[in-house]
Amino acid sequence: MKKNMGSADRIVRIILAIVFAVLYFTGTVTGTLGIVLLVLAAVFVLTSVVSFCPLYLPFGISTCAMKGGKTA
């Protein structure tokens, strides 16, 4: 797996995962929507840890910084 996520993308995903988890565990969001957000939070954390997003692959998206200081 080649990395396709940059630092900013990873940080945003981690922050969103924390927000989703807090909303679920405080009871602000419950039921099916709460479970969906919790699963989405887990996916965000996992993709952030491995720096790879499978949904970026078919679209050719990469937020990693390229050599030479340029970004895609």
N, C-alpha and C. Protein backbone atom coordinates (compact mmCIF):
# COMPACT_ATOMS: atom_id res chain seq x y z
N MET A 1 0.82 -1.18 0.00
CA MET A 1 0.00 0.00 0.00
C MET A 1 0.87 1.25 0.00
N LYS A 2 0.67 2.06 -0.97
CA LYS A 2 1.39 3.32 -1.05
C LYS A 2 0.58 4.39 -0.32
N LYS A 3 1.23 5.18 0.50
CA LYS A 3 0.53 6.23 1.24
C LYS A 3 -0.10 7.23 0.28
N ASN A 4 -1.34 7.62 0.59
CA ASN A 4 -2.00 8.62 -0.25
C ASN A 4 -2.70 9.70 0.59
N MET A 5 -2.31 9.79 1.88
CA MET A 5 -2.89 10.80 2.76
C MET A 5 -1.79 11.66 3.37
N GLY A 6 -1.98 12.96 3.30
CA GLY A 6 -1.04 13.89 3.89
C GLY A 6 -1.37 14.16 5.35
N SER A 7 -0.52 14.93 6.00
CA SER A 7 -0.67 15.23 7.43
C SER A 7 -1.97 15.97 7.73
N ALA A 8 -2.30 16.95 6.94
CA ALA A 8 -3.52 17.73 7.20
C ALA A 8 -4.76 16.84 7.10
N ASP A 9 -4.79 15.98 6.11
CA ASP A 9 -5.90 15.05 5.93
C ASP A 9 -6.03 14.11 7.12
N ARG A 10 -4.91 13.61 7.60
CA ARG A 10 -4.91 12.70 8.75
C ARG A 10 -5.39 13.41 10.01
N ILE A 11 -4.95 14.64 10.23
CA ILE A 11 -5.34 15.40 11.42
C ILE A 11 -6.84 15.69 11.40
N VAL A 12 -7.37 16.09 10.24
CA VAL A 12 -8.80 16.36 10.13
C VAL A 12 -9.61 15.11 10.43
N ARG A 13 -9.17 13.97 9.92
CA ARG A 13 -9.88 12.71 10.17
C ARG A 13 -9.86 12.34 11.65
N ILE A 14 -8.72 12.54 12.31
CA ILE A 14 -8.63 12.22 13.74
C ILE A 14 -9.56 13.13 14.54
N ILE A 15 -9.58 14.42 14.21
CA ILE A 15 -10.46 15.36 14.91
C ILE A 15 -11.92 14.97 14.71
N LEU A 16 -12.30 14.63 13.48
CA LEU A 16 -13.68 14.21 13.22
C LEU A 16 -14.02 12.93 13.98
N ALA A 17 -13.08 12.00 14.05
CA ALA A 17 -13.31 10.76 14.79
C ALA A 17 -13.55 11.05 16.27
N ILE A 18 -12.79 11.96 16.82
CA ILE A 18 -12.96 12.33 18.23
C ILE A 18 -14.33 12.98 18.45
N VAL A 19 -14.71 13.87 17.55
CA VAL A 19 -16.02 14.53 17.66
C VAL A 19 -17.15 13.49 17.57
N PHE A 20 -17.06 12.58 16.61
CA PHE A 20 -18.09 11.55 16.46
C PHE A 20 -18.17 10.67 17.71
N ALA A 21 -17.02 10.29 18.26
CA ALA A 21 -17.01 9.45 19.46
C ALA A 21 -17.61 10.18 20.65
N VAL A 22 -17.27 11.45 20.81
CA VAL A 22 -17.81 12.24 21.92
C VAL A 22 -19.33 12.37 21.78
N LEU A 23 -19.81 12.64 20.58
CA LEU A 23 -21.25 12.75 20.35
C LEU A 23 -21.96 11.45 20.70
N TYR A 24 -21.35 10.33 20.37
CA TYR A 24 -21.98 9.04 20.66
C TYR A 24 -21.95 8.73 22.15
N PHE A 25 -20.78 8.87 22.77
CA PHE A 25 -20.64 8.46 24.16
C PHE A 25 -21.30 9.42 25.15
N THR A 26 -21.58 10.64 24.74
CA THR A 26 -22.31 11.55 25.62
C THR A 26 -23.83 11.41 25.43
N GLY A 27 -24.23 10.62 24.47
CA GLY A 27 -25.65 10.40 24.24
C GLY A 27 -26.31 11.46 23.38
N THR A 28 -25.53 12.34 22.80
CA THR A 28 -26.09 13.39 21.94
C THR A 28 -26.67 12.78 20.67
N VAL A 29 -25.96 11.80 20.11
CA VAL A 29 -26.43 11.08 18.93
C VAL A 29 -26.59 9.62 19.34
N THR A 30 -27.78 9.09 19.14
CA THR A 30 -28.06 7.71 19.55
C THR A 30 -28.67 6.93 18.40
N GLY A 31 -28.94 5.68 18.67
CA GLY A 31 -29.60 4.82 17.68
C GLY A 31 -28.70 4.48 16.52
N THR A 32 -29.34 4.27 15.39
CA THR A 32 -28.62 3.86 14.18
C THR A 32 -27.61 4.90 13.74
N LEU A 33 -27.99 6.16 13.79
CA LEU A 33 -27.06 7.23 13.39
C LEU A 33 -25.83 7.24 14.28
N GLY A 34 -26.02 7.02 15.56
CA GLY A 34 -24.90 6.97 16.49
C GLY A 34 -23.94 5.84 16.17
N ILE A 35 -24.48 4.69 15.86
CA ILE A 35 -23.63 3.54 15.52
C ILE A 35 -22.90 3.78 14.21
N VAL A 36 -23.59 4.36 13.24
CA VAL A 36 -22.95 4.68 11.96
C VAL A 36 -21.80 5.65 12.17
N LEU A 37 -22.01 6.69 12.98
CA LEU A 37 -20.94 7.66 13.26
C LEU A 37 -19.78 7.01 14.00
N LEU A 38 -20.07 6.09 14.90
CA LEU A 38 -19.01 5.40 15.63
C LEU A 38 -18.18 4.52 14.70
N VAL A 39 -18.83 3.82 13.79
CA VAL A 39 -18.11 3.01 12.80
C VAL A 39 -17.28 3.90 11.88
N LEU A 40 -17.86 5.02 11.46
CA LEU A 40 -17.13 5.97 10.62
C LEU A 40 -15.91 6.53 11.36
N ALA A 41 -16.06 6.79 12.64
CA ALA A 41 -14.93 7.27 13.44
C ALA A 41 -13.82 6.22 13.47
N ALA A 42 -14.19 4.96 13.62
CA ALA A 42 -13.19 3.89 13.63
C ALA A 42 -12.47 3.80 12.29
N VAL A 43 -13.21 3.94 11.20
CA VAL A 43 -12.59 3.92 9.86
C VAL A 43 -11.65 5.10 9.70
N PHE A 44 -12.05 6.28 10.16
CA PHE A 44 -11.19 7.46 10.07
C PHE A 44 -9.89 7.25 10.84
N VAL A 45 -9.98 6.69 12.03
CA VAL A 45 -8.77 6.45 12.83
C VAL A 45 -7.87 5.44 12.12
N LEU A 46 -8.45 4.35 11.62
CA LEU A 46 -7.67 3.31 10.94
C LEU A 46 -6.97 3.87 9.71
N THR A 47 -7.70 4.60 8.87
CA THR A 47 -7.08 5.15 7.66
C THR A 47 -6.02 6.20 8.00
N SER A 48 -6.21 6.91 9.09
CA SER A 48 -5.21 7.90 9.51
C SER A 48 -3.93 7.23 9.99
N VAL A 49 -4.09 6.13 10.71
CA VAL A 49 -2.92 5.43 11.24
C VAL A 49 -2.07 4.83 10.11
N VAL A 50 -2.73 4.26 9.09
CA VAL A 50 -1.98 3.64 8.00
C VAL A 50 -1.69 4.61 6.86
N SER A 51 -2.21 5.83 6.92
CA SER A 51 -2.00 6.87 5.90
C SER A 51 -2.44 6.43 4.51
N PHE A 52 -3.48 5.64 4.46
CA PHE A 52 -3.98 5.14 3.18
C PHE A 52 -5.50 5.14 3.20
N CYS A 53 -6.10 5.76 2.19
CA CYS A 53 -7.56 5.77 2.05
C CYS A 53 -7.93 5.01 0.78
N PRO A 54 -8.61 3.87 0.91
CA PRO A 54 -8.96 3.08 -0.27
C PRO A 54 -9.88 3.82 -1.24
N LEU A 55 -10.68 4.76 -0.74
CA LEU A 55 -11.57 5.50 -1.63
C LEU A 55 -10.82 6.49 -2.53
N TYR A 56 -9.63 6.89 -2.13
CA TYR A 56 -8.83 7.79 -2.96
C TYR A 56 -8.26 7.07 -4.18
N LEU A 57 -8.02 5.77 -4.06
CA LEU A 57 -7.34 5.00 -5.09
C LEU A 57 -8.03 5.04 -6.45
N PRO A 58 -9.34 4.71 -6.56
CA PRO A 58 -9.96 4.71 -7.89
C PRO A 58 -10.02 6.09 -8.55
N PHE A 59 -9.99 7.14 -7.72
CA PHE A 59 -10.07 8.50 -8.26
C PHE A 59 -8.70 9.13 -8.48
N GLY A 60 -7.64 8.43 -8.08
CA GLY A 60 -6.29 8.95 -8.26
C GLY A 60 -5.97 10.13 -7.36
N ILE A 61 -6.64 10.23 -6.22
CA ILE A 61 -6.43 11.34 -5.30
C ILE A 61 -5.29 11.01 -4.36
N SER A 62 -4.44 11.98 -4.10
CA SER A 62 -3.39 11.84 -3.11
C SER A 62 -3.17 13.20 -2.46
N THR A 63 -3.23 13.22 -1.13
CA THR A 63 -2.99 14.47 -0.40
C THR A 63 -1.60 14.48 0.22
N CYS A 64 -0.78 13.49 -0.13
CA CYS A 64 0.60 13.44 0.36
C CYS A 64 1.43 14.52 -0.32
N ALA A 65 2.37 15.05 0.43
CA ALA A 65 3.31 15.99 -0.17
C ALA A 65 4.24 15.22 -1.09
N MET A 66 4.44 15.77 -2.28
CA MET A 66 5.33 15.12 -3.22
C MET A 66 6.74 15.63 -3.03
N LYS A 67 7.71 14.91 -3.58
CA LYS A 67 9.10 15.36 -3.50
C LYS A 67 9.23 16.70 -4.21
N GLY A 68 10.01 17.59 -3.60
CA GLY A 68 10.18 18.92 -4.16
C GLY A 68 9.26 19.95 -3.51
N GLY A 69 8.49 19.52 -2.52
CA GLY A 69 7.66 20.45 -1.79
C GLY A 69 6.31 20.76 -2.41
N LYS A 70 5.99 20.11 -3.51
CA LYS A 70 4.70 20.36 -4.17
C LYS A 70 3.68 19.34 -3.67
N THR A 71 2.41 19.74 -3.68
CA THR A 71 1.34 18.81 -3.29
C THR A 71 0.44 18.55 -4.48
N ALA A 72 -0.25 17.43 -4.42
CA ALA A 72 -1.14 17.05 -5.51
C ALA A 72 -2.48 17.73 -5.37
